[in-house]
Amino acid sequence: MEKHLDHDFLEFVVKSLVDNPSAVKINRTVDEMGVLLILDVDPADMGKIIGRGGKTAQAIRSLLRVVGMKNHARVTLKVNEPAGSTRGAASHSATQSVEDALEDLKL
């Protein structure tokens, strides 16, 4: 199995931050845009990865860019939202209420 420094670096950093390191899963894909690392963590550890205002995730992304530059690759990190997350549901309900309001205006 070929070693990838970006994958190994992300795995080390994330497993050092979370309470449940065995739940950390990283999927690495390469295409014409560069390297995409997709991160899955335990739902209870999401806050530790995202950080206040997204600062921890942004710092990890910045460090991954440096690792990528050293290896002449563009590295992007995507953090998957765990199943049952309510962040996306709030925006969906807001969209639904806007649609309901527009429907009510049609007399």
Protein backbone atom coordinates (compact mmCIF):
# COMPACT_ATOMS: atom_id res chain seq x y z
CA MET A 1 0.00 0.00 0.00
CA GLU A 2 1.39 3.36 -1.04
CA LYS A 3 1.96 5.90 1.73
CA HIS A 4 0.38 9.31 1.37
CA LEU A 5 1.77 12.03 3.60
CA ASP A 6 -1.40 14.14 3.41
CA HIS A 7 -3.58 11.23 4.56
CA ASP A 8 -1.17 10.24 7.34
CA PHE A 9 -0.85 13.84 8.53
CA LEU A 10 -4.63 14.36 8.67
CA GLU A 11 -5.11 11.05 10.45
CA PHE A 12 -2.50 11.95 13.08
CA VAL A 13 -3.95 15.42 13.73
CA VAL A 14 -7.59 14.33 13.87
CA LYS A 15 -6.97 11.27 16.04
CA SER A 16 -5.04 13.50 18.43
CA LEU A 17 -8.03 15.86 18.75
CA VAL A 18 -10.97 13.48 19.13
CA ASP A 19 -12.18 11.34 22.04
CA ASN A 20 -13.03 8.38 19.78
CA PRO A 21 -10.06 7.89 17.41
CA SER A 22 -11.27 4.48 16.26
CA ALA A 23 -14.25 6.16 14.54
CA VAL A 24 -12.02 8.37 12.36
CA LYS A 25 -12.32 7.42 8.68
CA ILE A 26 -10.51 9.20 5.85
CA ASN A 27 -11.27 8.60 2.19
CA ARG A 28 -8.63 9.90 -0.25
CA THR A 29 -9.39 10.51 -3.92
CA VAL A 30 -7.27 12.11 -6.62
CA ASP A 31 -8.54 13.83 -9.77
CA GLU A 32 -7.54 16.67 -12.09
CA MET A 33 -8.35 19.20 -9.34
CA GLY A 34 -5.95 17.61 -6.86
CA VAL A 35 -6.34 15.50 -3.74
CA LEU A 36 -9.65 15.37 -1.87
CA LEU A 37 -9.64 14.05 1.69
CA ILE A 38 -13.11 13.24 3.04
CA LEU A 39 -13.22 12.99 6.82
CA ASP A 40 -15.78 11.10 8.90
CA VAL A 41 -15.69 11.28 12.70
CA ASP A 42 -17.96 10.24 15.56
CA PRO A 43 -20.87 12.72 15.85
CA ALA A 44 -19.82 13.53 19.43
CA ASP A 45 -16.39 14.64 18.14
CA MET A 46 -17.67 16.99 15.40
CA GLY A 47 -17.27 20.07 17.59
CA LYS A 48 -13.64 19.26 18.29
CA ILE A 49 -12.88 19.05 14.57
CA ILE A 50 -14.87 22.12 13.51
CA GLY A 51 -13.92 24.30 16.47
CA ARG A 52 -15.42 27.60 17.54
CA GLY A 53 -16.46 29.45 14.42
CA GLY A 54 -14.81 26.79 12.24
CA LYS A 55 -11.33 27.88 13.29
CA THR A 56 -9.98 24.39 14.00
CA ALA A 57 -11.17 23.04 10.63
CA GLN A 58 -9.70 26.07 8.88
CA ALA A 59 -6.35 25.57 10.64
CA ILE A 60 -6.30 21.90 9.58
CA ARG A 61 -7.07 22.93 5.99
CA SER A 62 -4.22 25.48 6.06
CA LEU A 63 -1.77 22.87 7.32
CA LEU A 64 -2.94 20.41 4.65
CA ARG A 65 -2.29 23.04 1.97
CA VAL A 66 1.30 23.32 3.22
CA VAL A 67 1.69 19.52 3.16
CA GLY A 68 0.28 19.54 -0.38
CA MET A 69 2.61 22.32 -1.53
CA LYS A 70 5.61 20.31 -0.32
CA ASN A 71 4.37 17.41 -2.47
CA HIS A 72 3.29 19.56 -5.45
CA ALA A 73 -0.41 18.80 -4.99
CA ARG A 74 -3.55 20.73 -4.11
CA VAL A 75 -5.11 19.14 -1.02
CA THR A 76 -8.72 19.83 -0.06
CA LEU A 77 -10.50 18.67 3.10
CA LYS A 78 -14.22 17.92 3.28
CA VAL A 79 -15.72 17.07 6.66
CA ASN A 80 -18.83 14.90 6.31
CA GLU A 81 -21.75 15.81 8.53
CA PRO A 82 -22.82 12.84 10.63
CA ALA A 83 -26.23 11.26 10.12
CA GLY A 84 -28.87 12.93 12.26
CA SER A 85 -27.21 16.33 12.15
CA THR A 86 -29.59 19.24 12.64
CA ARG A 87 -27.49 21.91 10.93
CA GLY A 88 -28.86 21.18 7.44
CA ALA A 89 -32.42 20.64 8.72
CA ALA A 90 -32.70 24.21 10.05
CA SER A 91 -31.95 25.72 6.65
CA HIS A 92 -34.37 23.28 5.00
CA SER A 93 -37.21 24.30 7.33
CA ALA A 94 -36.45 27.97 6.69
CA THR A 95 -36.63 27.34 2.94
CA GLN A 96 -39.87 25.44 3.38
CA SER A 97 -41.45 28.32 5.34
CA VAL A 98 -40.44 30.80 2.62
CA GLU A 99 -42.09 28.57 0.03
CA ASP A 100 -45.22 28.35 2.20
CA ALA A 101 -45.29 32.14 2.53
CA LEU A 102 -45.00 32.57 -1.23
CA GLU A 103 -47.82 30.08 -1.75
CA ASP A 104 -49.99 32.01 0.72
CA LEU A 105 -49.43 35.22 -1.26
CA LYS A 106 -50.90 33.66 -4.39
CA LEU A 107 -54.57 34.65 -4.02
